Protein backbone atom coordinates (compact mmCIF):
# COMPACT_ATOMS: atom_id res chain seq x y z
CA UNK A 1 -38.53 -33.69 19.99
CA UNK A 2 -42.50 -31.98 20.54
CA UNK A 3 -43.71 -30.74 23.71
CA UNK A 4 -46.92 -31.94 25.08
CA UNK A 5 -49.54 -31.30 27.61
CA UNK A 6 -49.31 -32.83 31.23
CA UNK A 7 -51.38 -35.86 31.82
CA UNK A 8 -51.12 -36.62 35.79
CA UNK A 9 -49.08 -35.65 38.74
CA UNK A 10 -45.59 -36.81 37.96
CA UNK A 11 -45.99 -35.52 34.77
CA UNK A 12 -47.12 -31.86 35.82
CA UNK A 13 -44.59 -31.78 38.78
CA UNK A 14 -41.71 -32.50 36.71
CA UNK A 15 -42.51 -31.10 33.15
CA UNK A 16 -42.12 -34.33 31.65
CA UNK A 17 -44.44 -33.71 28.33
CA UNK A 18 -43.29 -30.02 28.69
CA UNK A 19 -40.13 -31.33 27.49
CA UNK A 20 -40.95 -33.56 25.14
CA UNK A 21 -40.07 -36.69 26.97
CA UNK A 22 -42.44 -39.17 28.55
CA UNK A 23 -42.38 -41.90 31.92
CA UNK A 24 -41.03 -44.61 30.33
CA UNK A 25 -37.99 -42.44 28.62
CA UNK A 26 -36.97 -40.85 32.33
CA UNK A 27 -36.89 -44.31 33.99
CA UNK A 28 -35.01 -45.61 31.11
CA UNK A 29 -32.78 -42.72 30.73
CA UNK A 30 -32.05 -42.75 35.05
CA UNK A 31 -31.17 -46.62 34.44
CA UNK A 32 -28.82 -45.95 32.13
CA UNK A 33 -27.12 -43.10 33.87
CA UNK A 34 -26.72 -44.83 36.98
CA UNK A 35 -25.03 -48.07 35.22
CA UNK A 36 -22.93 -45.79 33.62
CA UNK A 37 -21.60 -43.77 36.44
CA UNK A 38 -22.25 -46.39 38.96
CA UNK A 39 -18.59 -47.69 38.55
CA UNK A 40 -18.04 -44.90 42.03
CA UNK A 41 -18.85 -46.86 43.77
CA UNK A 42 -16.16 -49.06 43.50
CA UNK A 43 -13.99 -46.60 42.66
CA UNK A 44 -14.17 -44.29 45.54
CA UNK A 45 -12.94 -46.74 48.14
CA UNK A 46 -10.28 -47.28 45.75
CA UNK A 47 -8.91 -43.41 45.74
CA UNK A 48 -9.62 -42.71 49.53
CA UNK A 49 -9.80 -45.80 51.00
CA UNK A 50 -7.37 -48.34 52.55
CA UNK A 51 -6.80 -51.57 55.02
CA UNK A 52 -6.57 -50.72 58.17
CA UNK A 53 -2.88 -50.75 59.30
CA UNK A 54 -1.66 -50.21 55.83
CA UNK A 55 0.11 -46.98 54.12
CA UNK A 56 -2.28 -46.87 51.40
CA UNK A 57 -4.07 -43.66 51.56
CA UNK A 58 -2.88 -43.06 55.35
CA UNK A 59 -3.31 -40.09 56.65
CA UNK A 60 -0.87 -38.07 58.75
CA UNK A 61 -1.70 -39.79 61.86
CA UNK A 62 -1.49 -42.95 59.83
CA UNK A 63 -5.33 -43.71 59.71
CA UNK A 64 -7.36 -44.97 56.86
CA UNK A 65 -11.21 -45.05 55.51
CA UNK A 66 -12.15 -48.15 55.76
CA UNK A 67 -12.98 -49.32 51.96
CA UNK A 68 -16.64 -51.31 52.98
CA UNK A 69 -17.68 -47.92 55.04
CA UNK A 70 -16.72 -45.49 51.53
CA UNK A 71 -18.67 -47.52 49.84
CA UNK A 72 -21.55 -47.43 51.79
CA UNK A 73 -21.40 -43.62 52.04
CA UNK A 74 -20.89 -42.93 48.39
CA UNK A 75 -23.53 -44.55 47.69
CA UNK A 76 -25.74 -43.12 50.26
CA UNK A 77 -24.47 -39.68 49.44
CA UNK A 78 -24.93 -40.40 45.74
CA UNK A 79 -28.31 -41.53 45.94
CA UNK A 80 -29.76 -38.68 48.77
CA UNK A 81 -27.82 -35.91 46.00
CA UNK A 82 -29.41 -36.73 43.14
CA UNK A 83 -32.63 -37.84 44.52
CA UNK A 84 -32.53 -33.84 45.63
CA UNK A 85 -31.24 -32.41 42.01
CA UNK A 86 -34.43 -34.11 40.79
CA UNK A 87 -37.10 -32.58 42.65
CA UNK A 88 -35.25 -28.66 43.37
CA UNK A 89 -33.81 -28.44 39.82
CA UNK A 90 -35.99 -30.89 37.52
CA UNK A 91 -32.49 -32.19 35.10
CA UNK A 92 -31.05 -35.22 34.53
CA UNK A 93 -27.80 -34.07 36.04
CA UNK A 94 -27.06 -36.99 38.68
CA UNK A 95 -24.39 -36.35 41.69
CA UNK A 96 -21.83 -38.49 42.89
CA UNK A 97 -18.09 -38.05 44.16
CA UNK A 98 -16.11 -36.56 42.08
CA UNK A 99 -13.13 -37.91 40.79
CA UNK A 100 -10.57 -34.88 40.92
CA UNK A 101 -10.93 -33.30 43.81
CA UNK A 102 -10.85 -37.39 45.89
CA UNK A 103 -7.49 -37.41 44.33
CA UNK A 104 -6.87 -33.86 45.22
CA UNK A 105 -7.59 -34.98 49.13
CA UNK A 106 -5.56 -38.57 48.96
CA UNK A 107 -2.71 -37.90 47.02
CA UNK A 108 -1.69 -33.75 48.63
CA UNK A 109 -3.94 -33.09 51.07
CA UNK A 110 -4.31 -36.18 53.18
CA UNK A 111 -0.45 -36.23 54.15
CA UNK A 112 -0.87 -33.57 55.45
CA UNK A 113 -4.00 -33.56 57.53
CA UNK A 114 -6.32 -36.23 59.30
CA UNK A 115 -8.76 -37.44 57.05
CA UNK A 116 -11.77 -35.56 59.53
CA UNK A 117 -9.30 -33.06 58.29
CA UNK A 118 -9.68 -32.85 55.29
CA UNK A 119 -13.78 -33.40 54.81
CA UNK A 120 -13.62 -30.15 57.68
CA UNK A 121 -11.90 -28.24 54.18
CA UNK A 122 -14.67 -30.24 52.01
CA UNK A 123 -17.30 -29.13 53.83
CA UNK A 124 -15.88 -25.08 53.81
CA UNK A 125 -15.67 -25.80 50.83
CA UNK A 126 -19.17 -26.80 50.16
CA UNK A 127 -20.37 -23.86 52.14
CA UNK A 128 -18.81 -21.16 50.09
CA UNK A 129 -19.81 -22.87 46.97
CA UNK A 130 -23.38 -22.44 48.18
CA UNK A 131 -22.92 -18.51 49.22
CA UNK A 132 -21.64 -17.61 45.71
CA UNK A 133 -24.37 -19.65 44.37
CA UNK A 134 -27.24 -18.05 46.54
CA UNK A 135 -26.10 -14.50 46.39
CA UNK A 136 -25.85 -14.98 42.68
CA UNK A 137 -22.50 -15.02 41.62
CA UNK A 138 -22.33 -18.64 39.96
CA UNK A 139 -25.30 -17.56 37.75
CA UNK A 140 -23.85 -14.59 37.05
CA UNK A 141 -20.17 -15.88 35.63
CA UNK A 142 -22.56 -18.82 33.98
CA UNK A 143 -24.63 -15.96 31.99
CA UNK A 144 -21.28 -14.11 31.29
CA UNK A 145 -19.24 -17.10 29.25
CA UNK A 146 -19.45 -16.12 24.93
CA UNK A 147 -22.16 -19.10 23.56
CA UNK A 148 -19.23 -19.81 21.74
CA UNK A 149 -17.35 -20.82 24.18
CA UNK A 150 -20.39 -22.71 26.32
CA UNK A 151 -20.13 -24.43 22.63
CA UNK A 152 -16.61 -25.03 23.32
CA UNK A 153 -17.25 -26.46 26.95
CA UNK A 154 -20.16 -29.11 25.48
CA UNK A 155 -17.80 -30.69 22.24
CA UNK A 156 -15.00 -30.41 25.00
CA UNK A 157 -16.55 -32.50 27.49
CA UNK A 158 -17.53 -34.75 24.87
CA UNK A 159 -14.28 -35.14 23.96
CA UNK A 160 -13.28 -36.13 27.48
CA UNK A 161 -15.45 -38.53 28.10
CA UNK A 162 -14.84 -40.19 24.95
CA UNK A 163 -11.05 -40.36 26.43
CA UNK A 164 -12.55 -41.48 29.89
CA UNK A 165 -13.86 -44.55 27.89
CA UNK A 166 -10.90 -45.17 25.92
CA UNK A 167 -8.63 -45.00 28.77
CA UNK A 168 -11.01 -47.38 31.01
CA UNK A 169 -11.52 -49.85 28.58
CA UNK A 170 -8.15 -50.31 27.82
CA UNK A 171 -8.45 -48.82 24.29
CA UNK A 172 -5.93 -46.36 24.87
CA UNK A 173 -2.91 -47.27 27.08
CA UNK A 174 0.27 -45.47 28.76
CA UNK A 175 3.40 -46.73 26.77
CA UNK A 176 5.55 -48.20 29.82
CA UNK A 177 8.92 -46.11 30.22
CA UNK A 178 11.15 -48.47 29.44
CA UNK A 179 9.84 -48.56 25.84
CA UNK A 180 12.00 -46.10 25.24
CA UNK A 181 9.93 -43.70 23.57
CA UNK A 182 8.33 -40.19 24.25
CA UNK A 183 4.97 -40.93 22.73
CA UNK A 184 2.90 -40.96 25.83
CA UNK A 185 -0.27 -43.14 24.95
CA UNK A 186 -1.22 -45.53 22.19
CA UNK A 187 -3.44 -48.15 21.43
CA UNK A 188 -3.90 -51.22 23.38
CA UNK A 189 -0.57 -53.08 24.03
CA UNK A 190 1.68 -52.35 21.27
CA UNK A 191 -1.16 -50.53 19.01
CA UNK A 192 -2.49 -54.07 18.88
CA UNK A 193 -6.42 -55.09 21.00
CA UNK A 194 -5.02 -58.37 22.63
CA UNK A 195 -7.09 -58.73 25.27
CA UNK A 196 -10.83 -59.96 25.96
CA UNK A 197 -11.73 -56.84 27.55
CA UNK A 198 -10.61 -54.54 25.47
CA UNK A 199 -12.52 -56.31 22.56
CA UNK A 200 -15.61 -56.09 24.40
CA UNK A 201 -15.34 -52.32 24.51
CA UNK A 202 -14.72 -51.97 20.71
CA UNK A 203 -17.50 -53.80 19.83
CA UNK A 204 -19.78 -52.05 22.44
CA UNK A 205 -19.32 -49.13 20.82
CA UNK A 206 -20.00 -50.75 17.54
CA UNK A 207 -23.11 -52.01 18.69
CA UNK A 208 -24.45 -49.05 20.18
CA UNK A 209 -23.49 -46.76 17.09
CA UNK A 210 -25.50 -49.72 15.03
CA UNK A 211 -28.37 -49.08 17.76
CA UNK A 212 -28.85 -45.67 18.01
CA UNK A 213 -28.61 -45.12 13.85
CA UNK A 214 -31.48 -47.83 13.83
CA UNK A 215 -33.20 -45.55 16.41
CA UNK A 216 -33.80 -48.72 18.91
CA UNK A 217 -35.18 -47.02 21.63
CA UNK A 218 -32.98 -48.15 24.65
CA UNK A 219 -30.11 -48.11 22.19
CA UNK A 220 -27.28 -47.99 24.65
CA UNK A 221 -29.06 -49.44 27.76
CA UNK A 222 -29.48 -52.11 25.18
CA UNK A 223 -26.02 -52.72 24.34
CA UNK A 224 -24.95 -52.02 27.72
CA UNK A 225 -26.94 -55.60 28.81
CA UNK A 226 -25.15 -57.15 25.95
CA UNK A 227 -22.03 -56.25 26.44
CA UNK A 228 -22.20 -57.60 29.79
CA UNK A 229 -23.92 -60.64 28.98
CA UNK A 230 -21.35 -61.52 26.87
CA UNK A 231 -18.17 -60.47 29.47
CA UNK A 232 -19.91 -63.04 32.19
CA UNK A 233 -19.80 -65.96 29.47
CA UNK A 234 -16.60 -65.36 28.18
CA UNK A 235 -15.46 -64.50 32.00
CA UNK A 236 -16.64 -67.89 32.62
CA UNK A 237 -14.86 -69.79 30.35
CA UNK A 238 -11.32 -67.66 30.71
CA UNK A 239 -11.34 -66.79 34.30
CA UNK A 240 -9.61 -63.85 33.47
CA UNK A 241 -9.95 -61.91 36.63
CA UNK A 242 -9.49 -58.28 37.74
CA UNK A 243 -6.38 -56.44 36.06
CA UNK A 244 -4.78 -55.78 39.07
CA UNK A 245 -3.07 -59.29 38.83
CA UNK A 246 -3.90 -60.06 36.02
CA UNK A 247 -2.73 -57.60 33.18
CA UNK A 248 -5.22 -59.57 30.53
CA UNK A 249 -7.99 -59.06 32.93
CA UNK A 250 -11.13 -56.58 33.93
CA UNK A 251 -10.37 -53.13 34.55
CA UNK A 252 -12.15 -52.76 38.05
CA UNK A 253 -15.56 -55.11 38.36
CA UNK A 254 -15.20 -57.97 37.59
CA UNK A 255 -18.02 -60.10 35.44
CA UNK A 256 -18.96 -62.72 37.77
CA UNK A 257 -22.00 -63.12 40.00
CA UNK A 258 -21.83 -62.92 43.62
CA UNK A 259 -21.57 -65.19 46.35
CA UNK A 260 -23.92 -63.06 48.23
CA UNK A 261 -26.85 -60.53 47.38
CA UNK A 262 -26.98 -58.60 50.12
CA UNK A 263 -26.13 -57.06 53.25
CA UNK A 264 -26.49 -53.75 55.92
CA UNK A 265 -23.65 -51.31 54.91
CA UNK A 266 -21.30 -49.35 57.45
CA UNK A 267 -22.36 -45.48 58.02
CA UNK A 268 -20.31 -45.23 60.62
CA UNK A 269 -18.38 -42.39 58.32
CA UNK A 270 -21.19 -40.07 58.57
CA UNK A 271 -20.70 -37.15 60.83
CA UNK A 272 -16.55 -38.22 60.92
CA UNK A 273 -15.37 -34.77 60.38
CA UNK A 274 -13.79 -31.72 61.85
CA UNK A 275 -14.07 -28.67 60.28
CA UNK A 276 -11.62 -26.49 61.61
CA UNK A 277 -8.70 -28.80 62.70
CA UNK A 278 -6.39 -28.59 59.70
CA UNK A 279 -5.99 -24.75 60.50
CA UNK A 280 -4.35 -25.39 63.30
CA UNK A 281 -2.04 -28.32 62.28
CA UNK A 282 -0.79 -26.75 59.47
CA UNK A 283 -1.74 -22.88 59.04
CA UNK A 284 -3.89 -20.59 58.18
CA UNK A 285 -2.17 -19.98 55.08
CA UNK A 286 -1.67 -23.49 53.96
CA UNK A 287 -4.93 -24.70 54.50
CA UNK A 288 -6.52 -22.20 53.24
CA UNK A 289 -4.94 -22.85 49.69
CA UNK A 290 -6.42 -26.41 49.66
CA UNK A 291 -10.00 -24.29 49.96
CA UNK A 292 -8.99 -22.08 47.47
CA UNK A 293 -8.38 -25.38 45.06
CA UNK A 294 -10.97 -27.04 46.02
CA UNK A 295 -13.19 -23.76 45.59
CA UNK A 296 -12.47 -23.22 42.09
CA UNK A 297 -12.30 -27.10 40.93
CA UNK A 298 -15.46 -27.41 42.30
CA UNK A 299 -17.08 -24.14 40.91
CA UNK A 300 -15.98 -24.46 37.24
CA UNK A 301 -15.87 -28.72 36.91
CA UNK A 302 -19.77 -28.34 37.99
CA UNK A 303 -20.43 -25.02 35.79
CA UNK A 304 -19.07 -26.73 32.40
CA UNK A 305 -20.42 -30.05 32.91
CA UNK A 306 -24.49 -28.49 33.37
CA UNK A 307 -23.68 -26.22 30.41
CA UNK A 308 -22.28 -29.41 28.26
CA UNK A 309 -25.69 -31.54 29.31
CA UNK A 310 -27.85 -29.00 29.42
CA UNK A 311 -26.92 -28.33 25.86
CA UNK A 312 -27.02 -31.43 24.65
CA UNK A 313 -30.45 -32.38 26.34
CA UNK A 314 -31.25 -28.79 24.49
CA UNK A 315 -32.47 -27.82 27.81
CA UNK A 316 -30.73 -23.69 27.13
CA UNK A 317 -32.49 -21.24 26.32
CA UNK A 318 -31.18 -19.15 22.74
CA UNK A 319 -28.41 -17.89 24.68
CA UNK A 320 -27.29 -20.90 25.92
CA UNK A 321 -28.54 -20.20 29.26
CA UNK A 322 -29.93 -23.13 31.80
CA UNK A 323 -33.12 -22.14 33.33
CA UNK A 324 -33.30 -22.43 37.02
CA UNK A 325 -29.76 -22.18 36.86
CA UNK A 326 -29.45 -21.24 40.51
CA UNK A 327 -31.20 -23.31 42.21
CA UNK A 328 -29.54 -26.32 40.06
CA UNK A 329 -26.15 -24.56 41.46
CA UNK A 330 -27.08 -24.29 45.03
CA UNK A 331 -28.35 -28.14 45.31
CA UNK A 332 -24.59 -29.02 43.44
CA UNK A 333 -22.92 -26.90 45.95
CA UNK A 334 -24.76 -28.80 49.20
CA UNK A 335 -23.15 -31.87 47.52
CA UNK A 336 -19.69 -30.77 48.28
CA UNK A 337 -21.03 -30.53 52.07
CA UNK A 338 -22.93 -33.50 51.59
CA UNK A 339 -19.96 -35.94 50.55
CA UNK A 340 -17.38 -33.74 53.07
CA UNK A 341 -19.74 -34.53 56.44
CA UNK A 342 -20.27 -38.41 55.07
CA UNK A 343 -16.23 -38.84 54.31
CA UNK A 344 -17.29 -39.86 50.73
CA UNK A 345 -15.33 -36.54 49.38
CA UNK A 346 -17.22 -33.69 47.13
CA UNK A 347 -19.83 -34.66 45.46
CA UNK A 348 -20.39 -33.13 41.76
CA UNK A 349 -22.38 -33.19 38.31
CA UNK A 350 -21.59 -36.04 36.84
CA UNK A 351 -20.75 -36.25 33.19
CA UNK A 352 -21.57 -39.59 32.47
CA UNK A 353 -25.41 -38.18 32.79
CA UNK A 354 -25.16 -37.49 29.01
CA UNK A 355 -25.76 -40.97 28.40
CA UNK A 356 -29.29 -40.69 30.14
CA UNK A 357 -29.95 -37.86 28.31
CA UNK A 358 -28.95 -39.39 25.19
CA UNK A 359 -31.36 -42.42 25.94
CA UNK A 360 -34.22 -39.24 26.13
CA UNK A 361 -33.69 -37.75 29.52
CA UNK A 362 -35.14 -34.44 30.22
CA UNK A 363 -36.39 -33.89 33.58
CA UNK A 364 -35.24 -34.73 37.60
CA UNK A 365 -37.29 -37.64 37.20
CA UNK A 366 -34.14 -39.56 35.45
CA UNK A 367 -32.65 -37.96 38.62
CA UNK A 368 -34.91 -39.90 41.34
CA UNK A 369 -34.72 -43.05 39.43
CA UNK A 370 -30.95 -42.71 39.64
CA UNK A 371 -30.71 -41.71 42.84
CA UNK A 372 -32.65 -44.51 44.18
CA UNK A 373 -30.88 -47.43 43.01
CA UNK A 374 -27.92 -45.73 44.55
CA UNK A 375 -29.23 -46.03 47.77
CA UNK A 376 -30.69 -49.23 47.03
CA UNK A 377 -27.26 -50.27 46.49
CA UNK A 378 -25.97 -49.85 49.68
CA UNK A 379 -28.03 -52.88 50.36
CA UNK A 380 -27.72 -55.48 47.97
CA UNK A 381 -25.03 -56.61 45.76
CA UNK A 382 -25.54 -54.25 43.12
CA UNK A 383 -25.52 -54.81 39.09
CA UNK A 384 -22.75 -52.35 39.46
CA UNK A 385 -20.19 -55.25 40.51
CA UNK A 386 -21.25 -57.43 37.87
CA UNK A 387 -21.78 -54.93 34.75
CA UNK A 388 -17.67 -54.68 34.01
CA UNK A 389 -16.30 -50.80 33.04
CA UNK A 390 -16.11 -52.30 30.09
CA UNK A 391 -19.34 -52.63 28.97
CA UNK A 392 -20.27 -48.84 30.26
CA UNK A 393 -17.40 -47.38 28.29
CA UNK A 394 -18.87 -47.69 25.01
CA UNK A 395 -21.55 -45.60 26.25
CA UNK A 396 -19.34 -42.83 26.76
CA UNK A 397 -17.69 -42.83 23.41
CA UNK A 398 -20.95 -42.95 21.76
CA UNK A 399 -22.23 -40.09 24.00
CA UNK A 400 -18.93 -38.20 23.03
CA UNK A 401 -19.76 -38.41 19.68
CA UNK A 402 -22.87 -36.89 19.97
CA UNK A 403 -21.83 -33.70 22.37
CA UNK A 404 -18.96 -32.88 20.36
CA UNK A 405 -21.82 -31.61 17.40
CA UNK A 406 -21.64 -28.60 19.59
CA UNK A 407 -18.87 -27.33 17.12
CA UNK A 408 -21.20 -26.35 14.43
CA UNK A 409 -22.26 -23.21 16.64
CA UNK A 410 -18.67 -22.46 16.37
CA UNK A 411 -17.39 -19.78 13.28
CA UNK A 412 -14.08 -21.47 13.45
CA UNK A 413 -13.22 -18.61 10.32
CA UNK A 414 -13.21 -15.90 12.93
CA UNK A 415 -9.29 -17.23 14.85
CA UNK A 416 -10.22 -15.06 18.02
CA UNK A 417 -13.28 -17.37 18.30
CA UNK A 418 -11.66 -20.44 16.69
CA UNK A 419 -8.55 -20.38 19.17
CA UNK A 420 -9.90 -20.26 22.79
CA UNK A 421 -12.67 -22.65 20.98
CA UNK A 422 -10.23 -25.09 20.20
CA UNK A 423 -7.93 -25.20 23.08
CA UNK A 424 -10.97 -25.34 25.83
CA UNK A 425 -12.03 -28.73 23.68
CA UNK A 426 -8.40 -30.19 23.59
CA UNK A 427 -6.57 -29.40 26.45
CA UNK A 428 -9.69 -30.71 28.37
CA UNK A 429 -9.13 -34.44 27.44
CA UNK A 430 -5.37 -34.03 27.75
CA UNK A 431 -5.51 -32.77 31.22
CA UNK A 432 -8.16 -34.85 31.83
CA UNK A 433 -9.78 -32.07 33.59
CA UNK A 434 -12.65 -30.11 32.99
CA UNK A 435 -11.74 -27.39 34.52
CA UNK A 436 -8.69 -27.19 33.07
CA UNK A 437 -9.95 -27.21 29.82
CA UNK A 438 -12.37 -24.02 30.90
CA UNK A 439 -9.29 -22.29 32.16
CA UNK A 440 -7.40 -22.09 28.79
CA UNK A 441 -10.42 -21.07 26.71
CA UNK A 442 -11.01 -18.12 29.26
CA UNK A 443 -7.73 -17.01 29.48
CA UNK A 444 -7.41 -16.83 25.71
CA UNK A 445 -10.70 -15.91 25.42
CA UNK A 446 -9.91 -12.23 26.48
CA UNK A 447 -6.74 -12.24 25.17
CA UNK A 448 -7.63 -12.98 21.66
CA UNK A 449 -10.31 -10.59 21.91
CA UNK A 450 -8.15 -7.98 22.99
CA UNK A 451 -5.76 -8.87 20.25
CA UNK A 452 -9.14 -7.88 18.09
CA UNK A 453 -9.80 -4.63 19.66
CA UNK A 454 -12.55 -5.87 21.09
CA UNK A 455 -11.32 -6.65 25.09
CA UNK A 456 -14.63 -4.11 25.94
CA UNK A 457 -16.93 -6.22 24.71
CA UNK A 458 -15.79 -9.04 27.20
CA UNK A 459 -18.18 -9.37 29.83
CA UNK A 460 -16.03 -7.66 33.09
CA UNK A 461 -16.73 -10.82 35.16
CA UNK A 462 -15.20 -12.73 32.49
CA UNK A 463 -11.48 -11.05 32.65
CA UNK A 464 -11.97 -11.76 36.28
CA UNK A 465 -12.40 -15.27 36.31
CA UNK A 466 -9.92 -15.08 33.43
CA UNK A 467 -7.30 -13.69 36.17
CA UNK A 468 -8.24 -15.99 38.71
CA UNK A 469 -7.21 -19.02 36.61
CA UNK A 470 -3.90 -17.15 35.53
CA UNK A 471 -3.20 -17.61 39.68
CA UNK A 472 -4.59 -21.14 40.21
CA UNK A 473 -2.55 -21.79 36.41
CA UNK A 474 0.98 -20.25 38.60
CA UNK A 475 0.03 -21.66 42.04
CA UNK A 476 3.11 -23.29 42.36
CA UNK A 477 5.28 -20.83 41.86
CA UNK A 478 3.37 -18.34 43.46
CA UNK A 479 3.47 -20.72 46.58
CA UNK A 480 7.26 -20.70 46.41
CA UNK A 481 7.93 -17.37 46.37
CA UNK A 482 5.90 -16.72 49.30
CA UNK A 483 6.99 -20.33 51.33
């Protein structure tokens, strides 16, 4: 898209015309990003929340985070941080609770500490991340990554979000243990598309693909709306309900009109945090190990996501670096602090922002739109409870197909480039982690460069980060050795 002269205060502040966008595209992109990531307001309470008196997600003292309160603070922090990121960093990279870290808290950390203590570790993690950004270390690492690895990270994220979309929609499913096979996943059920929600997903992928090919403005948003309306109609006919009670049901949100449309959010969890309690409960070494794991995950997940989103939106310079990345990294790191203080878990840049970028979003105005919708979602029964995952998952697949195109800038005739790039791309969906893919890519890059006799061309920071990832991947045996 070609740039044009600013036409008003809004245009000048966000540099909308300079980046070749329009206010309409930014609003549309913000809407699409919200719809593709609003599931986090429903999913985060399931991951870290619980029912008082129940065992699910109970901490070491048997206490839980109430579901409604988790939903409220999840929407609050996502809204506030997305708006701040848009205003300060001026990029269309929306922020919300990161799924990797919230699962880590619920499964690994909380059984040993209380929820306020666990959130205290998240706050400490955020403070460290912000300090690393303020000192320029995060920016230096970001800029030290070779262009080929940056392209591989972007392509890997494309493969990752496409896989996430397929899994969310039931297009790809785990093979039951009773099946007596070593094959881990399959197409649908017994390699058959036998549920209405998954059929909706297939229709959505094809529909959005057609709209993109025909260059229909707002094609992804139109696709989401059409598949949602179709889902509501089919749900009213067959009453499929949730997949929790019906294997053929919807994976998360049931596309049904709600009985009520509003209410005041319960923000009682805000400020319920114990900054240093975990260190006295489980010891300095164990608590520090948890913090290290949180920092590493936050550091590289965000770096990889912003790399991929920046390249997809043509927002990077000729070296593949994002202008003003320092400000962006400081704000993103603050998301961990805000998430810990509010007990929603660490907040980070969401890869689903790629869907808004695909709709034309290029500035922070799109983020402001997304953030405002999250804040509205606290008070109203929002559309995210009507829109099923199967209706938004197609957008992730279509955007993934766009992002995988970054492989064109990788010279696969050079195996010292090809293997690290390939491992980066496949490790992300195969291990369900952006950070894992980056780590595997960094380690293999320095090893292949050494084998090619080009060790001196590798940036010193890349050696340091590769060594850190070696320790990270070996943390289990290392812990056992010193345990």
